[in-house]
Amino acid sequence: EGFADFVKSRFAAWAEQAGFGEGHYAEAFQTVTT
């Protein structure tokens, strides 16, 4: 129930952590140079 809202809230939180601002969505990664 409320799956779309859950997804949006989770990826909005990543955008906030990234500093993209309100109304944005983000995916997060740890990068490894190989």
PDB file of all heavy atoms in Angstrom:
ATOM      1  N   GLU A   1       0.840  -1.196   0.000  1.00  0.00           N
ATOM      2  CA  GLU A   1       0.000   0.000   0.000  1.00  0.00           C
ATOM      3  C   GLU A   1       0.879   1.251   0.000  1.00  0.00           C
ATOM      4  O   GLU A   1       1.853   1.340   0.748  1.00  0.00           O
ATOM      5  CB  GLU A   1      -0.907  -0.003   1.226  1.00  0.00           C
ATOM      6  CG  GLU A   1      -1.934   1.119   1.232  1.00  0.00           C
ATOM      7  CD  GLU A   1      -2.917   1.008   2.390  1.00  0.00           C
ATOM      8  OE1 GLU A   1      -2.926  -0.043   3.064  1.00  0.00           O
ATOM      9  OE2 GLU A   1      -3.672   1.980   2.620  1.00  0.00           O
ATOM     10  N   GLY A   2       0.537   2.206  -0.856  1.00  0.00           N
ATOM     11  CA  GLY A   2       1.294   3.451  -0.926  1.00  0.00           C
ATOM     12  C   GLY A   2       2.702   3.273  -1.471  1.00  0.00           C
ATOM     13  O   GLY A   2       3.605   4.041  -1.121  1.00  0.00           O
ATOM     14  N   PHE A   3       2.886   2.300  -2.357  1.00  0.00           N
ATOM     15  CA  PHE A   3       4.232   1.986  -2.835  1.00  0.00           C
ATOM     16  C   PHE A   3       4.881   3.174  -3.540  1.00  0.00           C
ATOM     17  O   PHE A   3       6.051   3.487  -3.292  1.00  0.00           O
ATOM     18  CB  PHE A   3       4.181   0.777  -3.770  1.00  0.00           C
ATOM     19  CG  PHE A   3       5.510   0.427  -4.363  1.00  0.00           C
ATOM     20  CD1 PHE A   3       6.510  -0.144  -3.584  1.00  0.00           C
ATOM     21  CD2 PHE A   3       5.779   0.675  -5.710  1.00  0.00           C
ATOM     22  CE1 PHE A   3       7.749  -0.464  -4.126  1.00  0.00           C
ATOM     23  CE2 PHE A   3       7.012   0.353  -6.253  1.00  0.00           C
ATOM     24  CZ  PHE A   3       7.998  -0.214  -5.464  1.00  0.00           C
ATOM     25  N   ALA A   4       4.159   3.848  -4.429  1.00  0.00           N
ATOM     26  CA  ALA A   4       4.741   4.965  -5.180  1.00  0.00           C
ATOM     27  C   ALA A   4       5.191   6.074  -4.235  1.00  0.00           C
ATOM     28  O   ALA A   4       6.266   6.661  -4.420  1.00  0.00           O
ATOM     29  CB  ALA A   4       3.733   5.506  -6.189  1.00  0.00           C
ATOM     30  N   ASP A   5       4.399   6.361  -3.222  1.00  0.00           N
ATOM     31  CA  ASP A   5       4.776   7.397  -2.257  1.00  0.00           C
ATOM     32  C   ASP A   5       6.015   6.987  -1.471  1.00  0.00           C
ATOM     33  O   ASP A   5       6.886   7.814  -1.182  1.00  0.00           O
ATOM     34  CB  ASP A   5       3.615   7.673  -1.295  1.00  0.00           C
ATOM     35  CG  ASP A   5       2.448   8.367  -1.972  1.00  0.00           C
ATOM     36  OD1 ASP A   5       2.666   9.009  -3.021  1.00  0.00           O
ATOM     37  OD2 ASP A   5       1.319   8.268  -1.451  1.00  0.00           O
ATOM     38  N   PHE A   6       6.099   5.695  -1.130  1.00  0.00           N
ATOM     39  CA  PHE A   6       7.280   5.197  -0.427  1.00  0.00           C
ATOM     40  C   PHE A   6       8.533   5.398  -1.274  1.00  0.00           C
ATOM     41  O   PHE A   6       9.574   5.866  -0.787  1.00  0.00           O
ATOM     42  CB  PHE A   6       7.115   3.721  -0.083  1.00  0.00           C
ATOM     43  CG  PHE A   6       8.403   3.009   0.221  1.00  0.00           C
ATOM     44  CD1 PHE A   6       9.051   3.201   1.434  1.00  0.00           C
ATOM     45  CD2 PHE A   6       8.991   2.166  -0.720  1.00  0.00           C
ATOM     46  CE1 PHE A   6      10.259   2.565   1.705  1.00  0.00           C
ATOM     47  CE2 PHE A   6      10.183   1.523  -0.449  1.00  0.00           C
ATOM     48  CZ  PHE A   6      10.826   1.728   0.759  1.00  0.00           C
ATOM     49  N   VAL A   7       8.434   5.023  -2.544  1.00  0.00           N
ATOM     50  CA  VAL A   7       9.590   5.152  -3.428  1.00  0.00           C
ATOM     51  C   VAL A   7      10.006   6.615  -3.545  1.00  0.00           C
ATOM     52  O   VAL A   7      11.195   6.963  -3.408  1.00  0.00           O
ATOM     53  CB  VAL A   7       9.281   4.566  -4.820  1.00  0.00           C
ATOM     54  CG1 VAL A   7      10.384   4.909  -5.820  1.00  0.00           C
ATOM     55  CG2 VAL A   7       9.104   3.055  -4.731  1.00  0.00           C
ATOM     56  N   LYS A   8       9.040   7.483  -3.771  1.00  0.00           N
ATOM     57  CA  LYS A   8       9.381   8.897  -3.938  1.00  0.00           C
ATOM     58  C   LYS A   8       9.998   9.486  -2.679  1.00  0.00           C
ATOM     59  O   LYS A   8      10.960  10.273  -2.749  1.00  0.00           O
ATOM     60  CB  LYS A   8       8.136   9.682  -4.359  1.00  0.00           C
ATOM     61  CG  LYS A   8       7.723   9.433  -5.801  1.00  0.00           C
ATOM     62  CD  LYS A   8       6.606  10.373  -6.229  1.00  0.00           C
ATOM     63  CE  LYS A   8       6.352  10.259  -7.729  1.00  0.00           C
ATOM     64  NZ  LYS A   8       5.309  11.209  -8.197  1.00  0.00           N
ATOM     65  N   SER A   9       9.472   9.116  -1.523  1.00  0.00           N
ATOM     66  CA  SER A   9      10.022   9.673  -0.277  1.00  0.00           C
ATOM     67  C   SER A   9      11.450   9.198  -0.044  1.00  0.00           C
ATOM     68  O   SER A   9      12.306   9.974   0.399  1.00  0.00           O
ATOM     69  CB  SER A   9       9.132   9.294   0.910  1.00  0.00           C
ATOM     70  OG  SER A   9       9.136   7.892   1.127  1.00  0.00           O
ATOM     71  N   ARG A  10      11.711   7.933  -0.361  1.00  0.00           N
ATOM     72  CA  ARG A  10      13.066   7.414  -0.150  1.00  0.00           C
ATOM     73  C   ARG A  10      14.077   8.112  -1.054  1.00  0.00           C
ATOM     74  O   ARG A  10      15.169   8.500  -0.606  1.00  0.00           O
ATOM     75  CB  ARG A  10      13.108   5.906  -0.381  1.00  0.00           C
ATOM     76  CG  ARG A  10      14.508   5.335  -0.261  1.00  0.00           C
ATOM     77  CD  ARG A  10      14.551   3.903   0.181  1.00  0.00           C
ATOM     78  NE  ARG A  10      15.911   3.441   0.357  1.00  0.00           N
ATOM     79  CZ  ARG A  10      16.693   3.715   1.402  1.00  0.00           C
ATOM     80  NH1 ARG A  10      16.236   4.454   2.382  1.00  0.00           N
ATOM     81  NH2 ARG A  10      17.926   3.251   1.480  1.00  0.00           N
ATOM     82  N   PHE A  11      13.727   8.298  -2.319  1.00  0.00           N
ATOM     83  CA  PHE A  11      14.694   8.883  -3.243  1.00  0.00           C
ATOM     84  C   PHE A  11      14.712  10.406  -3.164  1.00  0.00           C
ATOM     85  O   PHE A  11      15.700  11.026  -3.553  1.00  0.00           O
ATOM     86  CB  PHE A  11      14.445   8.335  -4.645  1.00  0.00           C
ATOM     87  CG  PHE A  11      14.786   6.869  -4.711  1.00  0.00           C
ATOM     88  CD1 PHE A  11      13.809   5.903  -4.516  1.00  0.00           C
ATOM     89  CD2 PHE A  11      16.092   6.453  -4.895  1.00  0.00           C
ATOM     90  CE1 PHE A  11      14.132   4.553  -4.529  1.00  0.00           C
ATOM     91  CE2 PHE A  11      16.426   5.111  -4.901  1.00  0.00           C
ATOM     92  CZ  PHE A  11      15.434   4.152  -4.708  1.00  0.00           C
ATOM     93  N   ALA A  12      13.668  10.999  -2.594  1.00  0.00           N
ATOM     94  CA  ALA A  12      13.722  12.420  -2.252  1.00  0.00           C
ATOM     95  C   ALA A  12      14.699  12.642  -1.103  1.00  0.00           C
ATOM     96  O   ALA A  12      15.414  13.658  -1.055  1.00  0.00           O
ATOM     97  CB  ALA A  12      12.336  12.926  -1.876  1.00  0.00           C
ATOM     98  N   ALA A  13      14.758  11.693  -0.165  1.00  0.00           N
ATOM     99  CA  ALA A  13      15.699  11.801   0.956  1.00  0.00           C
ATOM    100  C   ALA A  13      17.143  11.751   0.460  1.00  0.00           C
ATOM    101  O   ALA A  13      18.008  12.487   0.948  1.00  0.00           O
ATOM    102  CB  ALA A  13      15.439  10.691   1.964  1.00  0.00           C
ATOM    103  N   TRP A  14      17.422  10.891  -0.518  1.00  0.00           N
ATOM    104  CA  TRP A  14      18.764  10.856  -1.093  1.00  0.00           C
ATOM    105  C   TRP A  14      19.091  12.192  -1.761  1.00  0.00           C
ATOM    106  O   TRP A  14      20.217  12.690  -1.653  1.00  0.00           O
ATOM    107  CB  TRP A  14      18.881   9.738  -2.117  1.00  0.00           C
ATOM    108  CG  TRP A  14      19.086   8.359  -1.579  1.00  0.00           C
ATOM    109  CD1 TRP A  14      18.350   7.243  -1.876  1.00  0.00           C
ATOM    110  CD2 TRP A  14      20.111   7.915  -0.674  1.00  0.00           C
ATOM    111  NE1 TRP A  14      18.839   6.148  -1.204  1.00  0.00           N
ATOM    112  CE2 TRP A  14      19.920   6.530  -0.467  1.00  0.00           C
ATOM    113  CE3 TRP A  14      21.156   8.568  -0.028  1.00  0.00           C
ATOM    114  CZ2 TRP A  14      20.753   5.792   0.367  1.00  0.00           C
ATOM    115  CZ3 TRP A  14      21.988   7.831   0.807  1.00  0.00           C
ATOM    116  CH2 TRP A  14      21.775   6.460   0.997  1.00  0.00           C
ATOM    117  N   ALA A  15      18.113  12.782  -2.454  1.00  0.00           N
ATOM    118  CA  ALA A  15      18.346  14.065  -3.122  1.00  0.00           C
ATOM    119  C   ALA A  15      18.651  15.155  -2.112  1.00  0.00           C
ATOM    120  O   ALA A  15      19.519  16.018  -2.347  1.00  0.00           O
ATOM    121  CB  ALA A  15      17.129  14.440  -3.968  1.00  0.00           C
ATOM    122  N   GLU A  16      17.961  15.115  -0.980  1.00  0.00           N
ATOM    123  CA  GLU A  16      18.230  16.100   0.071  1.00  0.00           C
ATOM    124  C   GLU A  16      19.642  15.918   0.611  1.00  0.00           C
ATOM    125  O   GLU A  16      20.377  16.899   0.815  1.00  0.00           O
ATOM    126  CB  GLU A  16      17.204  15.946   1.203  1.00  0.00           C
ATOM    127  CG  GLU A  16      17.375  16.968   2.317  1.00  0.00           C
ATOM    128  CD  GLU A  16      16.321  16.835   3.402  1.00  0.00           C
ATOM    129  OE1 GLU A  16      15.396  16.011   3.237  1.00  0.00           O
ATOM    130  OE2 GLU A  16      16.435  17.543   4.413  1.00  0.00           O
ATOM    131  N   GLN A  17      20.043  14.672   0.845  1.00  0.00           N
ATOM    132  CA  GLN A  17      21.392  14.407   1.332  1.00  0.00           C
ATOM    133  C   GLN A  17      22.442  14.863   0.321  1.00  0.00           C
ATOM    134  O   GLN A  17      23.510  15.356   0.697  1.00  0.00           O
ATOM    135  CB  GLN A  17      21.578  12.920   1.617  1.00  0.00           C
ATOM    136  CG  GLN A  17      22.940  12.571   2.206  1.00  0.00           C
ATOM    137  CD  GLN A  17      23.041  11.112   2.622  1.00  0.00           C
ATOM    138  OE1 GLN A  17      22.035  10.454   2.880  1.00  0.00           O
ATOM    139  NE2 GLN A  17      24.256  10.596   2.695  1.00  0.00           N
ATOM    140  N   ALA A  18      22.127  14.715  -0.962  1.00  0.00           N
ATOM    141  CA  ALA A  18      23.060  15.117  -2.011  1.00  0.00           C
ATOM    142  C   ALA A  18      23.111  16.621  -2.214  1.00  0.00           C
ATOM    143  O   ALA A  18      24.009  17.128  -2.893  1.00  0.00           O
ATOM    144  CB  ALA A  18      22.678  14.445  -3.324  1.00  0.00           C
ATOM    145  N   GLY A  19      22.127  17.353  -1.655  1.00  0.00           N
ATOM    146  CA  GLY A  19      22.080  18.790  -1.815  1.00  0.00           C
ATOM    147  C   GLY A  19      21.412  19.253  -3.093  1.00  0.00           C
ATOM    148  O   GLY A  19      21.631  20.384  -3.542  1.00  0.00           O
ATOM    149  N   PHE A  20      20.572  18.396  -3.690  1.00  0.00           N
ATOM    150  CA  PHE A  20      19.913  18.754  -4.942  1.00  0.00           C
ATOM    151  C   PHE A  20      18.707  19.667  -4.734  1.00  0.00           C
ATOM    152  O   PHE A  20      18.212  20.260  -5.687  1.00  0.00           O
ATOM    153  CB  PHE A  20      19.476  17.500  -5.703  1.00  0.00           C
ATOM    154  CG  PHE A  20      20.616  16.671  -6.237  1.00  0.00           C
ATOM    155  CD1 PHE A  20      20.499  15.302  -6.349  1.00  0.00           C
ATOM    156  CD2 PHE A  20      21.798  17.270  -6.637  1.00  0.00           C
ATOM    157  CE1 PHE A  20      21.541  14.526  -6.845  1.00  0.00           C
ATOM    158  CE2 PHE A  20      22.851  16.515  -7.138  1.00  0.00           C
ATOM    159  CZ  PHE A  20      22.723  15.139  -7.239  1.00  0.00           C
ATOM    160  N   GLY A  21      18.185  19.726  -3.518  1.00  0.00           N
ATOM    161  CA  GLY A  21      17.086  20.633  -3.245  1.00  0.00           C
ATOM    162  C   GLY A  21      15.722  19.963  -3.270  1.00  0.00           C
ATOM    163  O   GLY A  21      15.558  18.828  -3.727  1.00  0.00           O
ATOM    164  N   GLU A  22      14.743  20.696  -2.797  1.00  0.00           N
ATOM    165  CA  GLU A  22      13.369  20.196  -2.709  1.00  0.00           C
ATOM    166  C   GLU A  22      12.802  19.920  -4.094  1.00  0.00           C
ATOM    167  O   GLU A  22      13.082  20.627  -5.059  1.00  0.00           O
ATOM    168  CB  GLU A  22      12.494  21.218  -1.976  1.00  0.00           C
ATOM    169  CG  GLU A  22      11.098  20.741  -1.673  1.00  0.00           C
ATOM    170  CD  GLU A  22      10.312  21.751  -0.849  1.00  0.00           C
ATOM    171  OE1 GLU A  22      10.912  22.753  -0.415  1.00  0.00           O
ATOM    172  OE2 GLU A  22       9.101  21.536  -0.669  1.00  0.00           O
ATOM    173  N   GLY A  23      12.003  18.857  -4.184  1.00  0.00           N
ATOM    174  CA  GLY A  23      11.392  18.499  -5.452  1.00  0.00           C
ATOM    175  C   GLY A  23      12.271  17.652  -6.345  1.00  0.00           C
ATOM    176  O   GLY A  23      11.887  17.357  -7.484  1.00  0.00           O
ATOM    177  N   HIS A  24      13.427  17.242  -5.841  1.00  0.00           N
ATOM    178  CA  HIS A  24      14.331  16.410  -6.631  1.00  0.00           C
ATOM    179  C   HIS A  24      14.373  14.993  -6.061  1.00  0.00           C
ATOM    180  O   HIS A  24      14.030  14.756  -4.901  1.00  0.00           O
ATOM    181  CB  HIS A  24      15.744  17.003  -6.643  1.00  0.00           C
ATOM    182  CG  HIS A  24      15.889  18.219  -7.491  1.00  0.00           C
ATOM    183  ND1 HIS A  24      16.532  18.225  -8.711  1.00  0.00           N
ATOM    184  CD2 HIS A  24      15.448  19.489  -7.307  1.00  0.00           C
ATOM    185  CE1 HIS A  24      16.499  19.420  -9.238  1.00  0.00           C
ATOM    186  NE2 HIS A  24      15.845  20.222  -8.398  1.00  0.00           N
ATOM    187  N   TYR A  25      14.828  14.074  -6.893  1.00  0.00           N
ATOM    188  CA  TYR A  25      14.999  12.673  -6.508  1.00  0.00           C
ATOM    189  C   TYR A  25      16.396  12.230  -6.942  1.00  0.00           C
ATOM    190  O   TYR A  25      16.908  12.683  -7.969  1.00  0.00           O
ATOM    191  CB  TYR A  25      13.938  11.791  -7.173  1.00  0.00           C
ATOM    192  CG  TYR A  25      12.531  12.216  -6.859  1.00  0.00           C
ATOM    193  CD1 TYR A  25      11.835  13.064  -7.727  1.00  0.00           C
ATOM    194  CD2 TYR A  25      11.894  11.802  -5.701  1.00  0.00           C
ATOM    195  CE1 TYR A  25      10.536  13.485  -7.437  1.00  0.00           C
ATOM    196  CE2 TYR A  25      10.603  12.204  -5.398  1.00  0.00           C
ATOM    197  CZ  TYR A  25       9.935  13.049  -6.268  1.00  0.00           C
ATOM    198  OH  TYR A  25       8.655  13.457  -5.975  1.00  0.00           O
ATOM    199  N   ALA A  26      16.984  11.338  -6.149  1.00  0.00           N
ATOM    200  CA  ALA A  26      18.358  10.921  -6.452  1.00  0.00           C
ATOM    201  C   ALA A  26      18.563   9.447  -6.123  1.00  0.00           C
ATOM    202  O   ALA A  26      17.896   8.884  -5.248  1.00  0.00           O
ATOM    203  CB  ALA A  26      19.362  11.764  -5.659  1.00  0.00           C
ATOM    204  N   GLU A  27      19.503   8.826  -6.837  1.00  0.00           N
ATOM    205  CA  GLU A  27      20.006   7.497  -6.501  1.00  0.00           C
ATOM    206  C   GLU A  27      21.434   7.650  -5.996  1.00  0.00           C
ATOM    207  O   GLU A  27      22.172   8.527  -6.465  1.00  0.00           O
ATOM    208  CB  GLU A  27      19.942   6.568  -7.713  1.00  0.00           C
ATOM    209  CG  GLU A  27      18.518   6.213  -8.089  1.00  0.00           C
ATOM    210  CD  GLU A  27      18.392   5.489  -9.414  1.00  0.00           C
ATOM    211  OE1 GLU A  27      19.341   5.537 -10.230  1.00  0.00           O
ATOM    212  OE2 GLU A  27      17.317   4.893  -9.660  1.00  0.00           O
ATOM    213  N   ALA A  28      21.822   6.780  -5.055  1.00  0.00           N
ATOM    214  CA  ALA A  28      23.106   6.922  -4.373  1.00  0.00           C
ATOM    215  C   ALA A  28      23.997   5.717  -4.640  1.00  0.00           C
ATOM    216  O   ALA A  28      23.532   4.572  -4.680  1.00  0.00           O
ATOM    217  CB  ALA A  28      22.874   7.072  -2.872  1.00  0.00           C
ATOM    218  N   PHE A  29      25.284   5.976  -4.790  1.00  0.00           N
ATOM    219  CA  PHE A  29      26.266   4.934  -5.070  1.00  0.00           C
ATOM    220  C   PHE A  29      27.562   5.219  -4.338  1.00  0.00           C
ATOM    221  O   PHE A  29      27.876   6.371  -4.022  1.00  0.00           O
ATOM    222  CB  PHE A  29      26.571   4.870  -6.574  1.00  0.00           C
ATOM    223  CG  PHE A  29      25.378   4.739  -7.456  1.00  0.00           C
ATOM    224  CD1 PHE A  29      24.744   5.868  -7.977  1.00  0.00           C
ATOM    225  CD2 PHE A  29      24.865   3.486  -7.771  1.00  0.00           C
ATOM    226  CE1 PHE A  29      23.628   5.745  -8.799  1.00  0.00           C
ATOM    227  CE2 PHE A  29      23.747   3.356  -8.586  1.00  0.00           C
ATOM    228  CZ  PHE A  29      23.133   4.490  -9.096  1.00  0.00           C
ATOM    229  N   GLN A  30      28.323   4.173  -4.096  1.00  0.00           N
ATOM    230  CA  GLN A  30      29.716   4.324  -3.711  1.00  0.00           C
ATOM    231  C   GLN A  30      30.562   3.969  -4.917  1.00  0.00           C
ATOM    232  O   GLN A  30      30.432   2.889  -5.488  1.00  0.00           O
ATOM    233  CB  GLN A  30      30.083   3.414  -2.533  1.00  0.00           C
ATOM    234  CG  GLN A  30      31.539   3.584  -2.087  1.00  0.00           C
ATOM    235  CD  GLN A  30      31.870   2.801  -0.836  1.00  0.00           C
ATOM    236  OE1 GLN A  30      30.972   2.428  -0.075  1.00  0.00           O
ATOM    237  NE2 GLN A  30      33.135   2.539  -0.620  1.00  0.00           N
ATOM    238  N   THR A  31      31.433   4.889  -5.316  1.00  0.00           N
ATOM    239  CA  THR A  31      32.220   4.666  -6.521  1.00  0.00           C
ATOM    240  C   THR A  31      33.562   4.020  -6.177  1.00  0.00           C
ATOM    241  O   THR A  31      34.166   4.309  -5.144  1.00  0.00           O
ATOM    242  CB  THR A  31      32.468   5.984  -7.272  1.00  0.00           C
ATOM    243  OG1 THR A  31      33.221   6.863  -6.437  1.00  0.00           O
ATOM    244  CG2 THR A  31      31.157   6.649  -7.647  1.00  0.00           C
ATOM    245  N   VAL A  32      34.003   3.152  -7.061  1.00  0.00           N
ATOM    246  CA  VAL A  32      35.269   2.459  -6.897  1.00  0.00           C
ATOM    247  C   VAL A  32      36.032   2.573  -8.214  1.00  0.00           C
ATOM    248  O   VAL A  32      35.576   2.098  -9.252  1.00  0.00           O
ATOM    249  CB  VAL A  32      35.071   0.965  -6.561  1.00  0.00           C
ATOM    250  CG1 VAL A  32      36.422   0.266  -6.388  1.00  0.00           C
ATOM    251  CG2 VAL A  32      34.222   0.796  -5.311  1.00  0.00           C
ATOM    252  N   THR A  33      37.180   3.244  -8.175  1.00  0.00           N
ATOM    253  CA  THR A  33      38.032   3.337  -9.358  1.00  0.00           C
ATOM    254  C   THR A  33      38.859   2.067  -9.448  1.00  0.00           C
ATOM    255  O   THR A  33      39.522   1.677  -8.486  1.00  0.00           O
ATOM    256  CB  THR A  33      38.935   4.574  -9.277  1.00  0.00           C
ATOM    257  OG1 THR A  33      38.118   5.747  -9.196  1.00  0.00           O
ATOM    258  CG2 THR A  33      39.830   4.669 -10.506  1.00  0.00           C
ATOM    259  N   THR A  34      38.848   1.426 -10.602  1.00  0.00           N
ATOM    260  CA  THR A  34      39.479   0.108 -10.724  1.00  0.00           C
ATOM    261  C   THR A  34      40.585   0.062 -11.763  1.00  0.00           C
ATOM    262  O   THR A  34      41.305  -0.935 -11.841  1.00  0.00           O
ATOM    263  CB  THR A  34      38.418  -0.942 -11.084  1.00  0.00           C
ATOM    264  OG1 THR A  34      37.805  -0.587 -12.333  1.00  0.00           O
ATOM    265  CG2 THR A  34      37.355  -1.033 -10.015  1.00  0.00           C
TER     266      THR A  34
END
